[in-house]
Amino acid sequence: MTWRAPQITRTPEPHVGDERTMLEGWLDYHRQTLLLKCAGLTAEQLRTPSIEPSGLTLLGLVRHLAEVEAWWFQENFAGEKVDYPYFTEATPDADFDVSTADAEADFATFHHEVELARAATAGHSLDETFTEVSPKRREFNLRWVYVHMIEEYARHNGHADLLREKVDGVTGD
């Protein structure tokens, strides 16, 4: 049987709540939106690129956002050393190279990274600060990470809308 990206039921975005509830709710809504854009597609369809010269794919977005989750929540905020599943110094854009990717494994990696991100932030104040691991050494707080991740997903979900429409004509949601 051919593997297909699982169907999901997206939790509606929050309309009322405290700041933490709103930030976590909107981030989860956008995480689920990405998965919704992939739902029901085969691995081959998930590897279908957009319009040339771009090689952007839905699977590339899933892989990329798994690494972004690890970068901001684990490596930067929690200060953990992360073994990235795709990135290496020699191939920094390997998350987008899906030519030999295992879609089922990549979806499992995405879910794992989201769970690790949740664990890294549990019990921490939105005001808690950290210094970025990059050479820029900028200071951020956890609130900024949530806002940035919502923006990151929202931008890429726009890409996912167009990619999905190209693959099978599905639009909306």
Protein backbone atom coordinates (compact mmCIF):
# COMPACT_ATOMS: atom_id res chain seq x y z
CA MET A 1 0.00 0.00 0.00
CA THR A 2 1.24 3.49 -0.85
CA TRP A 3 1.92 5.76 2.11
CA ARG A 4 -0.08 8.99 2.20
CA ALA A 5 0.23 11.98 4.49
CA PRO A 6 -2.30 11.45 7.29
CA GLN A 7 -5.62 13.25 7.35
CA ILE A 8 -5.86 15.66 10.27
CA THR A 9 -8.54 17.54 12.12
CA ARG A 10 -7.30 21.06 12.71
CA THR A 11 -8.11 22.66 16.05
CA PRO A 12 -9.67 26.09 15.44
CA GLU A 13 -7.54 29.10 16.25
CA PRO A 14 -8.24 30.62 19.67
CA HIS A 15 -10.48 33.67 19.84
CA VAL A 16 -10.25 34.35 23.57
CA GLY A 17 -7.52 33.60 26.08
CA ASP A 18 -4.52 34.87 27.92
CA GLU A 19 -1.34 35.65 26.00
CA ARG A 20 0.21 32.19 26.37
CA THR A 21 -2.98 30.46 25.30
CA MET A 22 -3.24 32.71 22.24
CA LEU A 23 0.41 32.26 21.19
CA GLU A 24 0.44 28.49 21.67
CA GLY A 25 -2.99 28.15 20.06
CA TRP A 26 -2.07 30.16 16.97
CA LEU A 27 1.23 28.32 16.57
CA ASP A 28 -0.54 24.96 16.80
CA TYR A 29 -3.16 26.18 14.32
CA HIS A 30 -0.42 27.02 11.81
CA ARG A 31 1.44 23.75 12.45
CA GLN A 32 -1.78 21.89 11.75
CA THR A 33 -2.49 24.02 8.67
CA LEU A 34 0.78 22.87 7.11
CA LEU A 35 -0.15 19.25 7.77
CA LEU A 36 -3.65 19.88 6.40
CA LYS A 37 -2.10 21.13 3.15
CA CYS A 38 -0.24 17.81 2.88
CA ALA A 39 -3.08 15.50 3.98
CA GLY A 40 -3.87 12.64 1.64
CA LEU A 41 -0.93 13.19 -0.70
CA THR A 42 1.54 10.47 -1.62
CA ALA A 43 5.27 10.84 -1.06
CA GLU A 44 5.69 11.54 -4.78
CA GLN A 45 3.08 14.30 -4.68
CA LEU A 46 4.71 15.82 -1.59
CA ARG A 47 7.98 15.99 -3.56
CA THR A 48 6.36 17.81 -6.51
CA PRO A 49 8.10 21.16 -6.97
CA SER A 50 6.45 24.48 -7.62
CA ILE A 51 7.03 26.57 -10.71
CA GLU A 52 10.60 26.69 -12.04
CA PRO A 53 13.15 27.83 -11.19
CA SER A 54 11.99 27.14 -7.63
CA GLY A 55 12.37 23.61 -6.30
CA LEU A 56 10.12 24.28 -3.31
CA THR A 57 7.94 21.31 -2.29
CA LEU A 58 5.45 20.52 0.44
CA LEU A 59 7.79 17.89 1.84
CA GLY A 60 10.63 20.42 1.81
CA LEU A 61 8.46 22.75 3.89
CA VAL A 62 7.71 19.99 6.41
CA ARG A 63 11.43 19.21 6.70
CA HIS A 64 12.40 22.89 6.90
CA LEU A 65 9.88 23.69 9.63
CA ALA A 66 10.99 20.67 11.66
CA GLU A 67 14.48 22.15 11.70
CA VAL A 68 13.22 25.66 12.46
CA GLU A 69 11.36 24.24 15.47
CA ALA A 70 14.61 22.64 16.68
CA TRP A 71 16.67 25.77 16.00
CA TRP A 72 14.52 28.25 17.91
CA PHE A 73 13.02 26.20 20.72
CA GLN A 74 15.71 23.65 21.51
CA GLU A 75 19.04 25.05 20.41
CA ASN A 76 18.46 28.74 21.09
CA PHE A 77 15.85 28.95 23.84
CA ALA A 78 16.66 25.76 25.77
CA GLY A 79 20.40 25.87 25.00
CA GLU A 80 20.49 22.23 23.92
CA LYS A 81 22.87 20.85 21.32
CA VAL A 82 20.73 19.67 18.41
CA ASP A 83 21.60 16.99 15.89
CA TYR A 84 19.68 18.28 12.91
CA PRO A 85 18.09 15.62 10.73
CA TYR A 86 18.93 17.38 7.44
CA PHE A 87 21.26 20.39 7.92
CA THR A 88 25.00 19.99 7.81
CA GLU A 89 27.71 22.59 7.35
CA ALA A 90 28.37 21.11 3.89
CA THR A 91 24.67 21.03 2.93
CA PRO A 92 22.88 23.83 4.81
CA ASP A 93 19.78 23.61 2.57
CA ALA A 94 19.42 19.82 2.75
CA ASP A 95 15.97 20.22 4.31
CA PHE A 96 14.70 21.35 0.90
CA ASP A 97 16.43 18.55 -1.04
CA VAL A 98 13.74 15.90 -1.12
CA SER A 99 14.99 13.88 -4.09
CA THR A 100 15.64 10.80 -1.94
CA ALA A 101 13.57 11.78 1.10
CA ASP A 102 11.43 9.33 3.05
CA ALA A 103 8.18 11.27 3.49
CA GLU A 104 6.79 9.03 6.23
CA ALA A 105 10.00 9.36 8.27
CA ASP A 106 10.08 13.11 7.64
CA PHE A 107 6.54 13.52 8.97
CA ALA A 108 7.53 11.54 12.07
CA THR A 109 10.54 13.85 12.48
CA PHE A 110 8.29 16.90 12.21
CA HIS A 111 5.96 15.60 14.93
CA HIS A 112 8.93 14.71 17.13
CA GLU A 113 10.45 18.18 16.79
CA VAL A 114 7.12 19.81 17.68
CA GLU A 115 6.91 17.67 20.83
CA LEU A 116 10.49 18.59 21.75
CA ALA A 117 9.64 22.27 21.23
CA ARG A 118 6.65 21.97 23.55
CA ALA A 119 8.80 20.25 26.17
CA ALA A 120 11.51 22.92 25.88
CA THR A 121 9.04 25.72 26.68
CA ALA A 122 6.86 24.02 29.29
CA GLY A 123 6.83 25.98 32.52
CA HIS A 124 8.91 28.86 31.15
CA SER A 125 7.83 32.48 31.23
CA LEU A 126 7.28 34.31 27.95
CA ASP A 127 9.59 36.97 29.37
CA GLU A 128 12.50 34.55 29.78
CA THR A 129 15.44 35.70 27.67
CA PHE A 130 18.28 33.93 25.89
CA THR A 131 21.16 34.82 23.62
CA GLU A 132 21.00 33.54 20.07
CA VAL A 133 23.49 30.82 19.17
CA SER A 134 24.47 32.50 15.88
CA PRO A 135 27.42 34.88 15.51
CA LYS A 136 24.98 37.79 15.83
CA ARG A 137 24.47 36.92 19.53
CA ARG A 138 21.19 38.86 19.73
CA GLU A 139 19.03 38.68 22.83
CA PHE A 140 15.44 37.44 22.53
CA ASN A 141 12.65 36.37 24.82
CA LEU A 142 10.39 33.35 24.47
CA ARG A 143 7.47 35.59 23.46
CA TRP A 144 9.46 36.70 20.40
CA VAL A 145 10.08 33.08 19.42
CA TYR A 146 6.35 32.31 19.47
CA VAL A 147 5.53 35.40 17.39
CA HIS A 148 8.34 34.60 14.95
CA MET A 149 7.26 30.98 14.59
CA ILE A 150 3.66 32.02 13.89
CA GLU A 151 5.00 34.36 11.19
CA GLU A 152 7.29 31.66 9.79
CA TYR A 153 4.48 29.13 9.51
CA ALA A 154 1.99 31.68 8.13
CA ARG A 155 4.42 32.66 5.37
CA HIS A 156 5.21 29.07 4.46
CA ASN A 157 1.54 28.08 4.66
CA GLY A 158 0.95 30.60 1.87
CA HIS A 159 3.55 28.72 -0.16
CA ALA A 160 1.85 25.45 0.80
CA ASP A 161 -1.49 26.76 -0.54
CA LEU A 162 0.05 27.28 -3.97
CA LEU A 163 1.98 24.00 -3.92
CA ARG A 164 -1.11 22.00 -3.01
CA GLU A 165 -3.15 23.66 -5.73
CA LYS A 166 -0.47 22.76 -8.27
CA VAL A 167 -0.37 19.13 -7.13
CA ASP A 168 -4.08 18.31 -7.28
CA GLY A 169 -6.12 21.51 -7.55
CA VAL A 170 -7.21 21.53 -3.90
CA THR A 171 -7.62 25.03 -2.50
CA GLY A 172 -8.88 26.57 0.71
CA ASP A 173 -8.56 25.95 4.44
